C-alpha cells in the first residue's frame, strides 16, 4: 500500500494476541541513510508505563491494513536503549517535513511538506515539496521521486536536476494503487473455477 507519511500519524497498533488496540503512532523514526522508516513512537494508556515500551520497529509489523498496524503482542514494543542501532538513528532527530530541497546547481525548489511511503517496505518513495512563494502561484507542489535524490544533510536534500526534468520523471513513475486489486490472480482463478462449475452443472 502506498500512502502519505502524514497519514501514518494516529494509525492504531493492534495486538494479534489480544485483538485489542495497544496505542497509536505519534511520530515516525526515519533513517536518513536508507531513507526509510525504521520505527515509530507510540502513545496510549499503557504505552511507556515501565512494562510496555513506546517504540515499534517496522520489522515487527506482521501486517498493515486499513484497521491499522498488526503485531504479535505488546512484547514487540521496545524502549530507548534496547537497540543500539535504533538509538543512533533516534539521536539524529531526522525529520523530512521542513527540510529544504535544492538542486545540485543550488536552485531552491522549496520545502518538504509530506512524503509517500510503501507500507510493505516502509521506504520513502517520493517527496512532496511546497514551492517557493513566487513559483507557488502556478504550481504549488512538486513531487520528487526517490531516484532524484543524490545527497541528504541535516538541513537539506539535494536532487539531480532542475524542476522541469523532475516533473517529467515523476510522471513516468509507475503508479501502485493503494487498494486491494479485485482482479488479482487468486481472485481470477476463483472466478474461473466458479464459472467452470456453473457451466458443468
C-alpha atoms as a PDB file:
ATOM      1  CA  UNK A   1       0.000   0.000   0.000  1.00  0.00           C
ATOM      2  CA  UNK A   2       1.249   3.474  -0.882  1.00  0.00           C
ATOM      3  CA  UNK A   3       0.255   6.322   1.403  1.00  0.00           C
ATOM      4  CA  UNK A   4       1.348   9.716   2.666  1.00  0.00           C
ATOM      5  CA  UNK A   5       3.634   9.721   5.668  1.00  0.00           C
ATOM      6  CA  UNK A   6       1.340  12.213   7.400  1.00  0.00           C
ATOM      7  CA  UNK A   7      -1.477   9.653   7.264  1.00  0.00           C
ATOM      8  CA  UNK A   8       0.566   7.230   9.365  1.00  0.00           C
ATOM      9  CA  UNK A   9       0.271   9.569  12.338  1.00  0.00           C
ATOM     10  CA  UNK A  10      -2.604   8.459  14.530  1.00  0.00           C
ATOM     11  CA  UNK A  11      -2.572   4.988  12.978  1.00  0.00           C
ATOM     12  CA  UNK A  12      -3.705   2.337  15.534  1.00  0.00           C
ATOM     13  CA  UNK A  13      -1.394  -0.511  16.539  1.00  0.00           C
ATOM     14  CA  UNK A  14      -3.220  -3.728  17.386  1.00  0.00           C
ATOM     15  CA  UNK A  15      -2.166  -6.929  19.113  1.00  0.00           C
ATOM     16  CA  UNK A  16      -2.783 -10.186  17.271  1.00  0.00           C
ATOM     17  CA  UNK A  17      -2.691 -11.955  20.623  1.00  0.00           C
ATOM     18  CA  UNK A  18      -5.435  -9.928  22.320  1.00  0.00           C
ATOM     19  CA  UNK A  19      -7.038  -8.279  19.242  1.00  0.00           C
ATOM     20  CA  UNK A  20      -7.036  -5.068  21.298  1.00  0.00           C
ATOM     21  CA  UNK A  21      -5.509  -1.689  20.328  1.00  0.00           C
ATOM     22  CA  UNK A  22      -2.191  -1.061  22.081  1.00  0.00           C
ATOM     23  CA  UNK A  23      -1.706   2.555  21.085  1.00  0.00           C
ATOM     24  CA  UNK A  24      -1.371   4.941  18.146  1.00  0.00           C
ATOM     25  CA  UNK A  25       1.559   6.269  16.120  1.00  0.00           C
ATOM     26  CA  UNK A  26       2.665   9.753  17.154  1.00  0.00           C
ATOM     27  CA  UNK A  27       5.957  10.049  15.248  1.00  0.00           C
ATOM     28  CA  UNK A  28       7.943   8.284  12.541  1.00  0.00           C
ATOM     29  CA  UNK A  29      11.613   7.468  13.078  1.00  0.00           C
ATOM     30  CA  UNK A  30      13.312   7.909   9.687  1.00  0.00           C
ATOM     31  CA  UNK A  31      16.803   6.642   8.887  1.00  0.00           C
ATOM     32  CA  UNK A  32      18.389   9.231   6.551  1.00  0.00           C
ATOM     33  CA  UNK A  33      20.968   6.701   5.345  1.00  0.00           C
ATOM     34  CA  UNK A  34      18.384   4.349   3.847  1.00  0.00           C
ATOM     35  CA  UNK A  35      15.599   6.957   3.572  1.00  0.00           C
ATOM     36  CA  UNK A  36      13.126   4.606   5.188  1.00  0.00           C
ATOM     37  CA  UNK A  37      11.002   4.471   8.324  1.00  0.00           C
ATOM     38  CA  UNK A  38      12.697   2.111  10.766  1.00  0.00           C
ATOM     39  CA  UNK A  39      10.348   2.561  13.725  1.00  0.00           C
ATOM     40  CA  UNK A  40       7.500   4.568  15.238  1.00  0.00           C
ATOM     41  CA  UNK A  41       6.981   6.291  18.568  1.00  0.00           C
ATOM     42  CA  UNK A  42       3.641   5.269  20.067  1.00  0.00           C
ATOM     43  CA  UNK A  43       1.286   6.677  22.660  1.00  0.00           C
ATOM     44  CA  UNK A  44      -1.529   5.046  24.596  1.00  0.00           C
ATOM     45  CA  UNK A  45      -2.884   4.362  28.092  1.00  0.00           C
ATOM     46  CA  UNK A  46      -0.394   1.556  28.769  1.00  0.00           C
ATOM     47  CA  UNK A  47       2.413   2.692  26.487  1.00  0.00           C
ATOM     48  CA  UNK A  48       5.680   3.565  28.231  1.00  0.00           C
ATOM     49  CA  UNK A  49       4.414   2.503  31.661  1.00  0.00           C
ATOM     50  CA  UNK A  50       7.606   0.635  32.538  1.00  0.00           C
ATOM     51  CA  UNK A  51       6.261  -2.705  31.383  1.00  0.00           C
ATOM     52  CA  UNK A  52       5.458  -1.769  27.781  1.00  0.00           C
ATOM     53  CA  UNK A  53       7.861   0.145  25.548  1.00  0.00           C
ATOM     54  CA  UNK A  54       6.862   3.116  23.407  1.00  0.00           C
ATOM     55  CA  UNK A  55       8.749   2.224  20.210  1.00  0.00           C
ATOM     56  CA  UNK A  56       7.602  -0.124  17.466  1.00  0.00           C
ATOM     57  CA  UNK A  57      10.183  -1.272  14.920  1.00  0.00           C
ATOM     58  CA  UNK A  58       8.751  -1.655  11.428  1.00  0.00           C
ATOM     59  CA  UNK A  59      10.255  -5.149  11.155  1.00  0.00           C
ATOM     60  CA  UNK A  60       7.903  -6.228  13.975  1.00  0.00           C
ATOM     61  CA  UNK A  61       4.787  -5.315  11.980  1.00  0.00           C
ATOM     62  CA  UNK A  62       3.120  -8.500  10.744  1.00  0.00           C
ATOM     63  CA  UNK A  63       0.546  -6.760   8.614  1.00  0.00           C
ATOM     64  CA  UNK A  64      -0.509  -3.265   7.662  1.00  0.00           C
ATOM     65  CA  UNK A  65      -4.193  -2.957   6.832  1.00  0.00           C
ATOM     66  CA  UNK A  66      -6.952  -0.379   6.818  1.00  0.00           C
ATOM     67  CA  UNK A  67      -7.617  -1.032  10.511  1.00  0.00           C
ATOM     68  CA  UNK A  68      -4.013  -0.349  11.466  1.00  0.00           C
ATOM     69  CA  UNK A  69      -0.658  -1.987  12.138  1.00  0.00           C
ATOM     70  CA  UNK A  70      -0.901  -5.531  13.481  1.00  0.00           C
ATOM     71  CA  UNK A  71       1.831  -7.020  15.671  1.00  0.00           C
ATOM     72  CA  UNK A  72       2.048 -10.220  17.692  1.00  0.00           C
ATOM     73  CA  UNK A  73       1.751  -8.632  21.135  1.00  0.00           C
ATOM     74  CA  UNK A  74       2.937  -5.786  23.351  1.00  0.00           C
ATOM     75  CA  UNK A  75       6.176  -7.751  23.845  1.00  0.00           C
ATOM     76  CA  UNK A  76       7.232  -6.435  20.429  1.00  0.00           C
ATOM     77  CA  UNK A  77       7.376  -2.871  21.757  1.00  0.00           C
ATOM     78  CA  UNK A  78      10.771  -1.647  22.920  1.00  0.00           C
ATOM     79  CA  UNK A  79      12.220   1.323  24.806  1.00  0.00           C
ATOM     80  CA  UNK A  80      15.170   3.673  24.354  1.00  0.00           C
ATOM     81  CA  UNK A  81      18.410   1.784  24.909  1.00  0.00           C
ATOM     82  CA  UNK A  82      17.117  -1.617  23.824  1.00  0.00           C
ATOM     83  CA  UNK A  83      18.594  -1.478  20.327  1.00  0.00           C
ATOM     84  CA  UNK A  84      21.890   0.387  19.837  1.00  0.00           C
ATOM     85  CA  UNK A  85      21.491   0.960  16.090  1.00  0.00           C
ATOM     86  CA  UNK A  86      17.991   2.358  16.556  1.00  0.00           C
ATOM     87  CA  UNK A  87      19.208   4.628  19.370  1.00  0.00           C
ATOM     88  CA  UNK A  88      21.776   6.108  16.980  1.00  0.00           C
ATOM     89  CA  UNK A  89      19.044   6.908  14.450  1.00  0.00           C
ATOM     90  CA  UNK A  90      16.804   8.457  17.123  1.00  0.00           C
ATOM     91  CA  UNK A  91      19.678  10.710  18.266  1.00  0.00           C
ATOM     92  CA  UNK A  92      19.904  12.149  14.743  1.00  0.00           C
ATOM     93  CA  UNK A  93      16.383  13.579  15.259  1.00  0.00           C
ATOM     94  CA  UNK A  94      15.894  13.488  11.494  1.00  0.00           C
ATOM     95  CA  UNK A  95      12.554  14.700  10.138  1.00  0.00           C
ATOM     96  CA  UNK A  96      11.686  15.041   6.461  1.00  0.00           C
ATOM     97  CA  UNK A  97       8.924  17.703   6.757  1.00  0.00           C
ATOM     98  CA  UNK A  98      10.520  21.129   6.851  1.00  0.00           C
ATOM     99  CA  UNK A  99      13.747  20.184   5.067  1.00  0.00           C
ATOM    100  CA  UNK A 100      14.796  22.425   2.208  1.00  0.00           C
ATOM    101  CA  UNK A 101      15.155  20.835  -1.249  1.00  0.00           C
ATOM    102  CA  UNK A 102      17.734  22.196  -3.706  1.00  0.00           C
ATOM    103  CA  UNK A 103      19.257  21.062  -6.998  1.00  0.00           C
ATOM    104  CA  UNK A 104      22.951  20.321  -7.470  1.00  0.00           C
ATOM    105  CA  UNK A 105      23.233  23.773  -9.055  1.00  0.00           C
ATOM    106  CA  UNK A 106      21.794  25.350  -5.914  1.00  0.00           C
ATOM    107  CA  UNK A 107      18.290  26.173  -7.172  1.00  0.00           C
ATOM    108  CA  UNK A 108      15.802  26.280  -4.300  1.00  0.00           C
ATOM    109  CA  UNK A 109      12.838  24.022  -5.084  1.00  0.00           C
ATOM    110  CA  UNK A 110      11.013  24.552  -1.794  1.00  0.00           C
ATOM    111  CA  UNK A 111      10.451  22.694   1.485  1.00  0.00           C
ATOM    112  CA  UNK A 112       9.156  19.200   2.157  1.00  0.00           C
ATOM    113  CA  UNK A 113       5.598  19.148   3.489  1.00  0.00           C
ATOM    114  CA  UNK A 114       4.933  15.414   3.161  1.00  0.00           C
ATOM    115  CA  UNK A 115       6.187  12.210   1.551  1.00  0.00           C
ATOM    116  CA  UNK A 116       4.836   8.930   0.239  1.00  0.00           C
ATOM    117  CA  UNK A 117       5.860   5.587   1.693  1.00  0.00           C
ATOM    118  CA  UNK A 118       5.459   1.936   0.705  1.00  0.00           C
ATOM    119  CA  UNK A 119       3.906   0.201   3.736  1.00  0.00           C
ATOM    120  CA  UNK A 120       5.360  -3.163   2.651  1.00  0.00           C
ATOM    121  CA  UNK A 121       8.959  -1.967   2.930  1.00  0.00           C
ATOM    122  CA  UNK A 122       8.454   1.423   4.655  1.00  0.00           C
ATOM    123  CA  UNK A 123      10.800   3.011   2.132  1.00  0.00           C
ATOM    124  CA  UNK A 124      10.169   6.639   1.269  1.00  0.00           C
ATOM    125  CA  UNK A 125       9.201   6.747  -2.418  1.00  0.00           C
ATOM    126  CA  UNK A 126       8.505  10.409  -3.135  1.00  0.00           C
ATOM    127  CA  UNK A 127       8.891  13.818  -1.541  1.00  0.00           C
ATOM    128  CA  UNK A 128       6.035  16.322  -1.626  1.00  0.00           C
ATOM    129  CA  UNK A 129       7.600  19.780  -1.823  1.00  0.00           C
ATOM    130  CA  UNK A 130       5.859  23.107  -1.300  1.00  0.00           C
ATOM    131  CA  UNK A 131       7.177  25.589  -3.838  1.00  0.00           C
ATOM    132  CA  UNK A 132       8.663  28.990  -3.012  1.00  0.00           C
ATOM    133  CA  UNK A 133       6.050  31.746  -2.932  1.00  0.00           C
ATOM    134  CA  UNK A 134       6.618  33.157  -6.426  1.00  0.00           C
ATOM    135  CA  UNK A 135       6.629  29.775  -8.172  1.00  0.00           C
ATOM    136  CA  UNK A 136       3.830  28.503  -5.971  1.00  0.00           C
ATOM    137  CA  UNK A 137       1.196  30.618  -7.695  1.00  0.00           C
ATOM    138  CA  UNK A 138       1.397  28.442 -10.805  1.00  0.00           C
ATOM    139  CA  UNK A 139       2.398  25.085  -9.330  1.00  0.00           C
ATOM    140  CA  UNK A 140       2.114  24.963  -5.508  1.00  0.00           C
ATOM    141  CA  UNK A 141       3.591  21.479  -5.062  1.00  0.00           C
ATOM    142  CA  UNK A 142       6.365  19.467  -6.683  1.00  0.00           C
ATOM    143  CA  UNK A 143       6.575  15.668  -6.439  1.00  0.00           C
ATOM    144  CA  UNK A 144      10.169  14.410  -6.369  1.00  0.00           C
ATOM    145  CA  UNK A 145      10.856  10.681  -6.895  1.00  0.00           C
ATOM    146  CA  UNK A 146      13.343   8.924  -4.623  1.00  0.00           C
ATOM    147  CA  UNK A 147      15.588   8.266  -7.635  1.00  0.00           C
ATOM    148  CA  UNK A 148      16.278  12.013  -7.988  1.00  0.00           C
ATOM    149  CA  UNK A 149      17.915  12.340  -4.557  1.00  0.00           C
ATOM    150  CA  UNK A 150      21.713  12.499  -4.546  1.00  0.00           C
ATOM    151  CA  UNK A 151      22.506  13.722  -1.026  1.00  0.00           C
ATOM    152  CA  UNK A 152      20.819  14.220   2.343  1.00  0.00           C
ATOM    153  CA  UNK A 153      22.143  16.548   5.033  1.00  0.00           C
ATOM    154  CA  UNK A 154      20.801  17.782   8.364  1.00  0.00           C
ATOM    155  CA  UNK A 155      19.295  20.821   6.688  1.00  0.00           C
ATOM    156  CA  UNK A 156      18.522  19.999   3.081  1.00  0.00           C
ATOM    157  CA  UNK A 157      18.047  17.372   0.400  1.00  0.00           C
ATOM    158  CA  UNK A 158      19.959  17.746  -2.843  1.00  0.00           C
ATOM    159  CA  UNK A 159      18.431  16.416  -6.061  1.00  0.00           C
ATOM    160  CA  UNK A 160      19.898  15.804  -9.513  1.00  0.00           C
ATOM    161  CA  UNK A 161      18.032  18.016 -11.925  1.00  0.00           C
ATOM    162  CA  UNK A 162      16.013  21.139 -12.395  1.00  0.00           C
ATOM    163  CA  UNK A 163      12.271  21.113 -11.712  1.00  0.00           C
ATOM    164  CA  UNK A 164      11.128  20.651 -15.323  1.00  0.00           C
ATOM    165  CA  UNK A 165      13.092  17.398 -15.644  1.00  0.00           C
ATOM    166  CA  UNK A 166      11.876  16.216 -12.248  1.00  0.00           C
ATOM    167  CA  UNK A 167       8.258  16.740 -13.295  1.00  0.00           C
ATOM    168  CA  UNK A 168       8.775  14.605 -16.405  1.00  0.00           C
ATOM    169  CA  UNK A 169      10.437  11.811 -14.426  1.00  0.00           C
ATOM    170  CA  UNK A 170       7.764  11.902 -11.707  1.00  0.00           C
ATOM    171  CA  UNK A 171       5.087  11.491 -14.367  1.00  0.00           C
ATOM    172  CA  UNK A 172       6.817   8.341 -15.631  1.00  0.00           C
ATOM    173  CA  UNK A 173       6.981   6.691 -12.198  1.00  0.00           C
ATOM    174  CA  UNK A 174       4.932   3.503 -12.005  1.00  0.00           C
ATOM    175  CA  UNK A 175       1.674   4.034 -10.118  1.00  0.00           C
ATOM    176  CA  UNK A 176       0.954   1.487  -7.391  1.00  0.00           C
ATOM    177  CA  UNK A 177      -2.694   1.543  -6.279  1.00  0.00           C
ATOM    178  CA  UNK A 178      -3.328   1.877  -2.534  1.00  0.00           C
ATOM    179  CA  UNK A 179      -6.213  -0.564  -2.588  1.00  0.00           C
ATOM    180  CA  UNK A 180      -6.654  -4.297  -2.889  1.00  0.00           C
ATOM    181  CA  UNK A 181      -6.874  -5.257  -6.549  1.00  0.00           C
ATOM    182  CA  UNK A 182     -10.053  -7.313  -7.092  1.00  0.00           C
ATOM    183  CA  UNK A 183      -8.545  -8.761 -10.263  1.00  0.00           C
ATOM    184  CA  UNK A 184      -5.521 -10.429  -8.683  1.00  0.00           C
ATOM    185  CA  UNK A 185      -4.582 -13.890  -9.974  1.00  0.00           C
ATOM    186  CA  UNK A 186      -6.078 -15.637  -6.944  1.00  0.00           C
ATOM    187  CA  UNK A 187      -9.402 -13.902  -7.422  1.00  0.00           C
ATOM    188  CA  UNK A 188      -9.372 -14.563 -11.144  1.00  0.00           C
ATOM    189  CA  UNK A 189      -8.681 -18.238 -10.515  1.00  0.00           C
ATOM    190  CA  UNK A 190     -11.584 -18.411  -8.069  1.00  0.00           C
ATOM    191  CA  UNK A 191     -13.872 -16.724 -10.602  1.00  0.00           C
ATOM    192  CA  UNK A 192     -12.753 -19.147 -13.325  1.00  0.00           C
ATOM    193  CA  UNK A 193     -13.438 -22.159 -11.115  1.00  0.00           C
ATOM    194  CA  UNK A 194     -16.848 -20.777 -10.258  1.00  0.00           C
ATOM    195  CA  UNK A 195     -17.673 -20.315 -13.954  1.00  0.00           C
ATOM    196  CA  UNK A 196     -16.428 -23.807 -14.804  1.00  0.00           C
ATOM    197  CA  UNK A 197     -18.589 -25.357 -12.090  1.00  0.00           C
ATOM    198  CA  UNK A 198     -21.596 -23.381 -13.293  1.00  0.00           C
ATOM    199  CA  UNK A 199     -21.101 -24.500 -16.891  1.00  0.00           C
ATOM    200  CA  UNK A 200     -20.681 -28.154 -15.910  1.00  0.00           C
ATOM    201  CA  UNK A 201     -23.871 -28.238 -13.862  1.00  0.00           C
END
